[in-house]
Protein backbone atom coordinates (compact mmCIF):
# COMPACT_ATOMS: atom_id res chain seq x y z
CA MET A 1 0.15 -0.02 -0.09
CA ILE A 2 2.77 2.33 0.90
CA GLY A 3 4.38 4.39 -2.08
CA HIS A 4 1.33 4.58 -4.50
CA ALA A 5 0.28 8.17 -5.13
CA ALA A 6 -3.02 7.70 -6.19
CA LEU A 7 -3.96 5.41 -3.33
CA ARG A 8 -6.64 6.50 -0.61
CA LEU A 9 -7.62 4.21 2.42
CA TYR A 10 -10.80 5.32 3.77
CA VAL A 11 -12.39 3.96 7.13
CA MET A 12 -16.06 3.95 6.66
CA ASP A 13 -18.76 3.53 9.23
CA ALA A 14 -21.94 5.27 9.80
CA GLY A 15 -20.56 8.35 7.86
CA TRP A 16 -20.70 6.52 4.46
CA ALA A 17 -23.69 8.60 3.02
CA THR A 18 -21.83 11.77 4.13
CA PHE A 19 -18.92 10.70 2.32
CA VAL A 20 -20.73 9.68 -0.86
CA LEU A 21 -22.47 12.99 -0.77
CA SER A 22 -19.25 15.05 -0.27
CA GLN A 23 -16.86 13.02 -2.32
CA TRP A 24 -18.67 11.36 -5.22
CA ILE A 25 -21.24 14.02 -5.77
CA ARG A 26 -19.86 17.46 -4.61
CA GLU A 27 -16.08 17.18 -4.93
CA GLN A 28 -15.68 14.67 -7.83
CA GLN A 29 -19.10 15.29 -9.70
CA LEU A 30 -19.20 11.47 -10.55
CA PHE A 31 -22.88 11.49 -9.99
CA SER A 32 -25.86 14.06 -9.98
CA MET A 33 -27.39 14.43 -6.58
CA GLY A 34 -30.33 12.36 -7.69
CA GLU A 35 -28.42 9.63 -9.45
CA GLY A 36 -26.15 9.26 -5.91
CA MET A 37 -29.37 9.10 -3.79
CA ARG A 38 -30.79 6.29 -6.02
CA ARG A 39 -27.48 4.47 -5.54
CA MET A 40 -27.76 4.76 -1.92
CA THR A 41 -31.50 3.97 -1.61
CA SER A 42 -33.65 2.31 -4.11
CA GLU A 43 -30.90 0.48 -5.88
CA PRO A 44 -29.62 -1.43 -2.78
CA ALA A 45 -33.30 -2.28 -1.86
CA ARG A 46 -33.61 -3.74 -5.42
CA VAL A 47 -30.69 -5.77 -5.10
CA LEU A 48 -31.97 -7.28 -2.09
CA GLY A 49 -35.35 -7.85 -3.28
CA LEU A 50 -36.98 -5.19 -0.81
CA THR A 51 -39.61 -4.09 -3.11
CA ASP A 52 -41.40 -1.99 -0.42
CA ARG A 53 -38.03 0.00 0.34
CA GLY A 54 -35.95 2.61 -1.16
CA SER A 55 -38.02 4.96 -2.91
CA LEU A 56 -40.86 7.77 -2.48
CA VAL A 57 -44.00 6.57 -4.24
CA PRO A 58 -47.15 8.09 -3.90
CA GLY A 59 -49.38 5.60 -2.17
CA LYS A 60 -47.03 3.55 -0.40
């Protein structure tokens, strides 16, 4: 690990959402805010088969 200039080591815990919002969306602009929120909410719910979680839908 030591010696590679592009290597970053992040210790993640309960602050992972803040990290995603600050780094991937605001700083690096890899995603829009909407896409970042989707990747943190509805996409994991879909992968896990949680059809009643992860999105705001009228009537649910």
